[in-house]
Amino acid sequence: MSVTERLEFWSDGVIIVGELRIPDTEGPHAAVALSGPFTGVKEQVVGHYAEKLTAAGFATFAFDHRGFGESGGRHGHEDTQGKLADLRAAVSLLAARPEIDAHRIGLVGICLGGGYVMRAAATDPRVRAVAGIAGAYNSPAFFAERMGIDAYRAALGVFLAGYDDLIPAVAPDDGEAAMAGEEPYSYYGTERGAAEHWTNEVTRGSLHSLMTFDALNCAELLAATPLLVVHGKVDDYCSPELAERLYERATGVKRAVWLDCERHVDLYDAEPHVKKAVEETALFLRESLPGSSR
């Protein structure tokens, strides 16, 4: 059992809305803030993981990043620096709560959120542990290498030319979408990922943000911060190669877990994959935030 509290807080002048879950066991508790997939809202993937991690004994904070869900900011726009500010503000919120031990706060990111929590942990020593699940450890240099530098720069030009245009986040039948293909649609475009505050639109400029966001190069800056990487052996949307590179470059205590997933979205809600990811994350957090949980 746990208690869930709806919270609103400020992040660099923007109102952020989230849900704090507190276990019904004696505190103060170790806590994690969660960051989720591109366009995701707190009732989807991060909420699913938050419920399971709270059941494992951790306080959790799942929130809507600026621009998405119930939070403020420019609707449907991927603001990379703003999202990092949101995570800093979330850590501050957790540290100020009497039910939470300010010295036992971690970050957990799924999909795009995996890249954000790495960047956030690398620049915030209050974060004592960081875990990425099916993480997007974006690297502009990697994208340019794989696409070819001319094609990469041409794509950036297209995104800038239509920067303010709204496009679907997902679409059926290979239609134009920020997350193209059947797999993203199988989650966001169906009842599987249905959520009241999720909307199927993003700015084309969001793709420029994604293609220029660098999560990989923060690996060494994690220093001694304990790191967990949980990733599918097969993932067509968040590169296993980049996950491996991040893990290899990190210099502190670290663990990698490779799961037999067939699709990226298996780690959104499909069993037994989510169960295994939660078990590994809970074990990692207990070891990294000692005295934290049952």
Protein backbone atom coordinates (compact mmCIF):
# COMPACT_ATOMS: atom_id res chain seq x y z
CA MET A 1 0.00 0.00 0.00
CA SER A 2 1.04 3.59 -0.55
CA VAL A 3 -0.23 7.14 -0.46
CA THR A 4 -0.37 9.16 -3.68
CA GLU A 5 -0.28 12.97 -3.61
CA ARG A 6 -0.78 15.25 -6.58
CA LEU A 7 1.80 18.03 -6.56
CA GLU A 8 2.41 21.19 -8.53
CA PHE A 9 5.79 22.89 -8.42
CA TRP A 10 7.78 25.53 -10.26
CA SER A 11 10.65 24.76 -12.60
CA ASP A 12 12.34 27.88 -13.94
CA GLY A 13 9.03 29.74 -14.07
CA VAL A 14 6.99 26.82 -15.48
CA ILE A 15 4.35 24.91 -13.50
CA ILE A 16 5.04 21.17 -13.43
CA VAL A 17 2.42 18.64 -12.33
CA GLY A 18 3.29 15.27 -10.84
CA GLU A 19 2.29 12.46 -8.51
CA LEU A 20 4.31 11.59 -5.41
CA ARG A 21 3.86 8.05 -4.11
CA ILE A 22 4.96 7.28 -0.56
CA PRO A 23 5.14 3.71 0.78
CA ASP A 24 3.12 3.01 3.92
CA THR A 25 6.23 1.78 5.70
CA GLU A 26 8.23 3.81 8.20
CA GLY A 27 10.39 6.55 6.68
CA PRO A 28 12.31 8.53 5.83
CA HIS A 29 12.40 6.77 2.48
CA ALA A 30 14.80 6.61 -0.41
CA ALA A 31 13.18 8.21 -3.43
CA VAL A 32 13.45 8.37 -7.19
CA ALA A 33 12.18 10.86 -9.73
CA LEU A 34 11.27 9.36 -13.08
CA SER A 35 11.59 10.69 -16.61
CA GLY A 36 9.91 8.91 -19.49
CA PRO A 37 9.54 8.56 -23.23
CA PHE A 38 9.27 11.34 -25.81
CA THR A 39 5.74 12.83 -25.56
CA GLY A 40 4.97 10.56 -22.58
CA VAL A 41 2.84 11.64 -19.65
CA LYS A 42 2.74 10.57 -16.01
CA GLU A 43 -0.21 8.23 -16.50
CA GLN A 44 1.72 6.13 -19.02
CA VAL A 45 5.14 4.49 -18.72
CA VAL A 46 6.58 6.49 -15.81
CA GLY A 47 3.41 5.97 -13.79
CA HIS A 48 3.55 2.24 -14.45
CA TYR A 49 7.14 2.03 -13.21
CA ALA A 50 6.44 4.38 -10.30
CA GLU A 51 3.69 2.13 -8.99
CA LYS A 52 5.93 -0.93 -9.12
CA LEU A 53 8.94 0.78 -7.54
CA THR A 54 6.75 2.17 -4.76
CA ALA A 55 5.49 -1.35 -4.12
CA ALA A 56 9.17 -2.32 -3.81
CA GLY A 57 9.57 0.20 -0.99
CA PHE A 58 10.72 3.42 -2.66
CA ALA A 59 9.07 6.82 -2.72
CA THR A 60 8.56 7.79 -6.36
CA PHE A 61 7.80 10.98 -8.22
CA ALA A 62 6.33 10.70 -11.73
CA PHE A 63 5.58 14.00 -13.41
CA ASP A 64 4.72 15.60 -16.72
CA HIS A 65 7.72 17.35 -18.21
CA ARG A 66 7.11 20.88 -19.47
CA GLY A 67 5.18 20.99 -22.72
CA PHE A 68 3.38 17.70 -22.10
CA GLY A 69 0.42 16.43 -20.11
CA GLU A 70 -0.86 18.81 -17.45
CA SER A 71 2.34 20.79 -17.08
CA GLY A 72 2.94 24.25 -18.45
CA GLY A 73 5.37 25.38 -21.09
CA ARG A 74 5.10 25.35 -24.86
CA HIS A 75 2.66 22.58 -25.73
CA GLY A 76 4.10 19.65 -27.63
CA HIS A 77 7.63 21.01 -27.83
CA GLU A 78 10.72 19.09 -26.75
CA ASP A 79 12.72 21.54 -24.62
CA THR A 80 15.92 19.71 -23.71
CA GLN A 81 17.34 22.29 -21.31
CA GLY A 82 13.90 22.80 -19.82
CA LYS A 83 13.51 19.09 -19.14
CA LEU A 84 16.86 19.05 -17.34
CA ALA A 85 15.64 21.99 -15.25
CA ASP A 86 12.49 19.98 -14.45
CA LEU A 87 14.60 17.12 -13.11
CA ARG A 88 16.67 19.48 -10.95
CA ALA A 89 13.48 20.96 -9.56
CA ALA A 90 12.08 17.48 -8.91
CA VAL A 91 15.18 16.55 -6.91
CA SER A 92 14.81 19.75 -4.89
CA LEU A 93 11.17 18.94 -4.21
CA LEU A 94 12.01 15.43 -3.02
CA ALA A 95 14.89 16.62 -0.85
CA ALA A 96 12.58 19.06 0.96
CA ARG A 97 9.95 16.45 1.87
CA PRO A 98 10.07 15.17 5.48
CA GLU A 99 9.11 11.64 4.39
CA ILE A 100 12.22 11.40 2.19
CA ASP A 101 15.89 11.07 3.03
CA ALA A 102 17.57 13.85 1.06
CA HIS A 103 20.77 11.81 0.94
CA ARG A 104 19.08 8.85 -0.78
CA ILE A 105 17.63 10.28 -3.98
CA GLY A 106 18.06 8.67 -7.38
CA LEU A 107 16.80 9.10 -10.93
CA VAL A 108 15.21 6.49 -13.19
CA GLY A 109 14.63 7.14 -16.89
CA ILE A 110 12.84 5.09 -19.51
CA CYS A 111 13.37 5.60 -23.26
CA LEU A 112 14.24 9.26 -23.91
CA GLY A 113 14.12 9.81 -20.18
CA GLY A 114 17.13 7.53 -19.87
CA GLY A 115 19.25 10.09 -21.65
CA TYR A 116 17.84 12.94 -19.59
CA VAL A 117 18.50 11.29 -16.24
CA MET A 118 22.10 10.61 -17.24
CA ARG A 119 22.64 14.26 -18.11
CA ALA A 120 20.86 15.36 -14.94
CA ALA A 121 22.86 13.03 -12.69
CA ALA A 122 26.11 14.07 -14.33
CA THR A 123 25.56 17.69 -13.28
CA ASP A 124 23.76 17.26 -9.94
CA PRO A 125 25.74 15.67 -7.09
CA ARG A 126 22.56 15.40 -5.01
CA VAL A 127 21.63 12.45 -7.24
CA ARG A 128 23.14 9.37 -5.59
CA ALA A 129 22.19 6.74 -8.19
CA VAL A 130 20.92 6.70 -11.79
CA ALA A 131 19.22 4.01 -13.86
CA GLY A 132 18.29 3.95 -17.54
CA ILE A 133 15.76 1.45 -18.91
CA ALA A 134 15.58 1.09 -22.71
CA GLY A 135 17.34 4.43 -22.66
CA ALA A 136 17.91 6.83 -25.56
CA TYR A 137 21.52 7.88 -25.08
CA ASN A 138 21.48 10.28 -27.98
CA SER A 139 24.69 11.31 -29.66
CA PRO A 140 24.73 13.83 -32.52
CA ALA A 141 28.13 12.50 -33.60
CA PHE A 142 26.73 8.96 -33.75
CA PHE A 143 23.72 10.11 -35.77
CA ALA A 144 25.94 12.01 -38.20
CA GLU A 145 28.25 9.01 -38.57
CA ARG A 146 25.38 6.64 -39.33
CA MET A 147 23.39 8.98 -41.56
CA GLY A 148 26.35 10.71 -43.19
CA ILE A 149 27.15 14.26 -42.19
CA ASP A 150 25.46 15.85 -45.20
CA ALA A 151 22.22 13.92 -44.63
CA TYR A 152 22.32 14.73 -40.92
CA ARG A 153 22.70 18.45 -41.55
CA ALA A 154 20.04 18.37 -44.25
CA ALA A 155 17.60 16.79 -41.78
CA LEU A 156 18.35 19.52 -39.24
CA GLY A 157 17.59 22.08 -41.93
CA VAL A 158 14.19 20.52 -42.61
CA PHE A 159 13.35 20.55 -38.90
CA LEU A 160 14.35 24.20 -38.60
CA ALA A 161 12.39 25.23 -41.71
CA GLY A 162 9.18 23.88 -40.20
CA TYR A 163 10.17 24.42 -36.59
CA ASP A 164 6.77 25.58 -35.35
CA ASP A 165 4.68 23.17 -37.40
CA LEU A 166 2.69 20.59 -35.47
CA ILE A 167 2.95 17.01 -36.69
CA PRO A 168 1.50 13.76 -35.31
CA ALA A 169 3.56 12.04 -32.64
CA VAL A 170 2.50 8.66 -34.09
CA ALA A 171 0.52 7.60 -37.14
CA PRO A 172 -0.85 4.35 -38.61
CA ASP A 173 0.16 2.85 -41.93
CA ASP A 174 3.60 4.51 -42.00
CA GLY A 175 2.11 8.00 -42.13
CA GLU A 176 4.22 11.05 -41.29
CA ALA A 177 4.95 11.16 -37.57
CA ALA A 178 7.66 12.22 -35.15
CA MET A 179 7.86 8.57 -34.04
CA ALA A 180 7.30 6.83 -37.33
CA GLY A 181 6.40 3.19 -37.75
CA GLU A 182 4.02 0.56 -36.45
CA GLU A 183 5.79 -0.02 -33.15
CA PRO A 184 5.29 3.42 -31.55
CA TYR A 185 1.72 3.46 -32.86
CA SER A 186 1.09 0.08 -31.23
CA TYR A 187 1.53 1.78 -27.86
CA TYR A 188 0.49 5.42 -28.24
CA GLY A 189 -2.12 4.96 -30.94
CA THR A 190 -4.11 2.24 -29.19
CA GLU A 191 -5.84 1.62 -25.87
CA ARG A 192 -2.56 0.22 -24.63
CA GLY A 193 -1.14 3.70 -24.08
CA ALA A 194 -4.38 5.68 -23.78
CA ALA A 195 -4.12 8.54 -21.28
CA GLU A 196 -6.39 11.52 -20.72
CA HIS A 197 -3.66 14.13 -20.91
CA TRP A 198 -1.64 12.69 -23.81
CA THR A 199 -2.08 14.39 -27.18
CA ASN A 200 -0.91 13.13 -30.55
CA GLU A 201 1.03 16.17 -31.71
CA VAL A 202 4.49 17.65 -31.36
CA THR A 203 6.40 20.45 -33.03
CA ARG A 204 8.66 19.58 -35.92
CA GLY A 205 11.30 21.53 -34.02
CA SER A 206 11.17 18.81 -31.38
CA LEU A 207 13.00 16.57 -33.82
CA HIS A 208 15.78 19.14 -34.05
CA SER A 209 15.98 19.02 -30.24
CA LEU A 210 16.24 15.23 -30.25
CA MET A 211 18.83 15.08 -33.01
CA THR A 212 21.09 17.62 -31.29
CA PHE A 213 20.68 16.40 -27.70
CA ASP A 214 23.87 14.75 -26.44
CA ALA A 215 23.44 12.26 -23.60
CA LEU A 216 26.33 9.94 -24.44
CA ASN A 217 29.10 12.41 -23.71
CA CYS A 218 28.04 12.86 -20.10
CA ALA A 219 29.10 9.31 -19.22
CA GLU A 220 32.47 10.23 -17.72
CA LEU A 221 30.89 13.09 -15.76
CA LEU A 222 28.82 10.62 -13.76
CA ALA A 223 32.09 9.97 -11.91
CA ALA A 224 31.37 7.77 -8.88
CA THR A 225 27.58 7.93 -9.22
CA PRO A 226 26.33 4.32 -9.38
CA LEU A 227 24.90 3.48 -12.80
CA LEU A 228 22.44 0.84 -13.99
CA VAL A 229 21.74 0.23 -17.67
CA VAL A 230 18.81 -2.08 -18.50
CA HIS A 231 18.32 -2.57 -22.22
CA GLY A 232 16.78 -4.93 -24.71
CA LYS A 233 19.15 -6.93 -26.86
CA VAL A 234 16.95 -5.91 -29.80
CA ASP A 235 15.76 -2.30 -29.95
CA ASP A 236 15.03 -0.49 -33.21
CA TYR A 237 14.32 2.87 -31.55
CA CYS A 238 16.91 3.29 -28.79
CA SER A 239 20.24 1.92 -29.93
CA PRO A 240 21.72 -0.96 -27.91
CA GLU A 241 25.09 0.15 -29.27
CA LEU A 242 24.73 3.56 -27.64
CA ALA A 243 23.65 1.89 -24.38
CA GLU A 244 26.78 -0.22 -24.49
CA ARG A 245 28.97 2.80 -25.25
CA LEU A 246 27.50 4.76 -22.32
CA TYR A 247 28.09 1.83 -20.00
CA GLU A 248 31.66 1.30 -21.18
CA ARG A 249 32.56 4.96 -20.78
CA ALA A 250 31.15 5.34 -17.26
CA THR A 251 33.94 5.11 -14.69
CA GLY A 252 32.11 4.41 -11.42
CA VAL A 253 30.25 1.46 -9.96
CA LYS A 254 28.03 0.14 -12.73
CA ARG A 255 25.86 -2.74 -13.85
CA ALA A 256 24.36 -3.64 -17.22
CA VAL A 257 21.42 -5.99 -17.72
CA TRP A 258 20.51 -7.16 -21.22
CA LEU A 259 16.98 -8.47 -21.65
CA ASP A 260 15.54 -10.71 -24.37
CA CYS A 261 13.11 -8.09 -25.67
CA GLU A 262 11.99 -8.14 -29.27
CA ARG A 263 10.71 -4.54 -29.39
CA HIS A 264 11.56 -1.27 -27.71
CA VAL A 265 8.03 -0.89 -26.32
CA ASP A 266 8.30 -4.26 -24.58
CA LEU A 267 9.93 -2.30 -21.76
CA TYR A 268 6.98 0.09 -21.56
CA ASP A 269 4.40 -2.36 -20.25
CA ALA A 270 5.00 -5.92 -21.48
CA GLU A 271 5.71 -8.81 -19.15
CA PRO A 272 7.93 -10.45 -18.13
CA HIS A 273 10.21 -7.65 -19.33
CA VAL A 274 8.93 -4.87 -17.07
CA LYS A 275 8.94 -7.18 -14.05
CA LYS A 276 12.57 -8.03 -14.68
CA ALA A 277 13.52 -4.39 -15.24
CA VAL A 278 11.82 -3.37 -11.99
CA GLU A 279 13.48 -6.17 -10.04
CA GLU A 280 16.91 -5.19 -11.32
CA THR A 281 16.26 -1.51 -10.64
CA ALA A 282 14.98 -2.12 -7.11
CA LEU A 283 18.02 -4.29 -6.32
CA PHE A 284 20.34 -1.64 -7.73
CA LEU A 285 18.66 1.13 -5.72
CA ARG A 286 18.82 -0.87 -2.49
CA GLU A 287 22.55 -1.35 -2.99
CA SER A 288 23.21 2.22 -4.12
CA LEU A 289 20.96 3.99 -1.59
CA PRO A 290 21.78 1.82 1.44
CA GLY A 291 19.26 1.41 4.21
CA SER A 292 16.55 2.33 1.75
CA SER A 293 14.06 -0.44 1.38
CA ARG A 294 12.90 -3.90 2.27
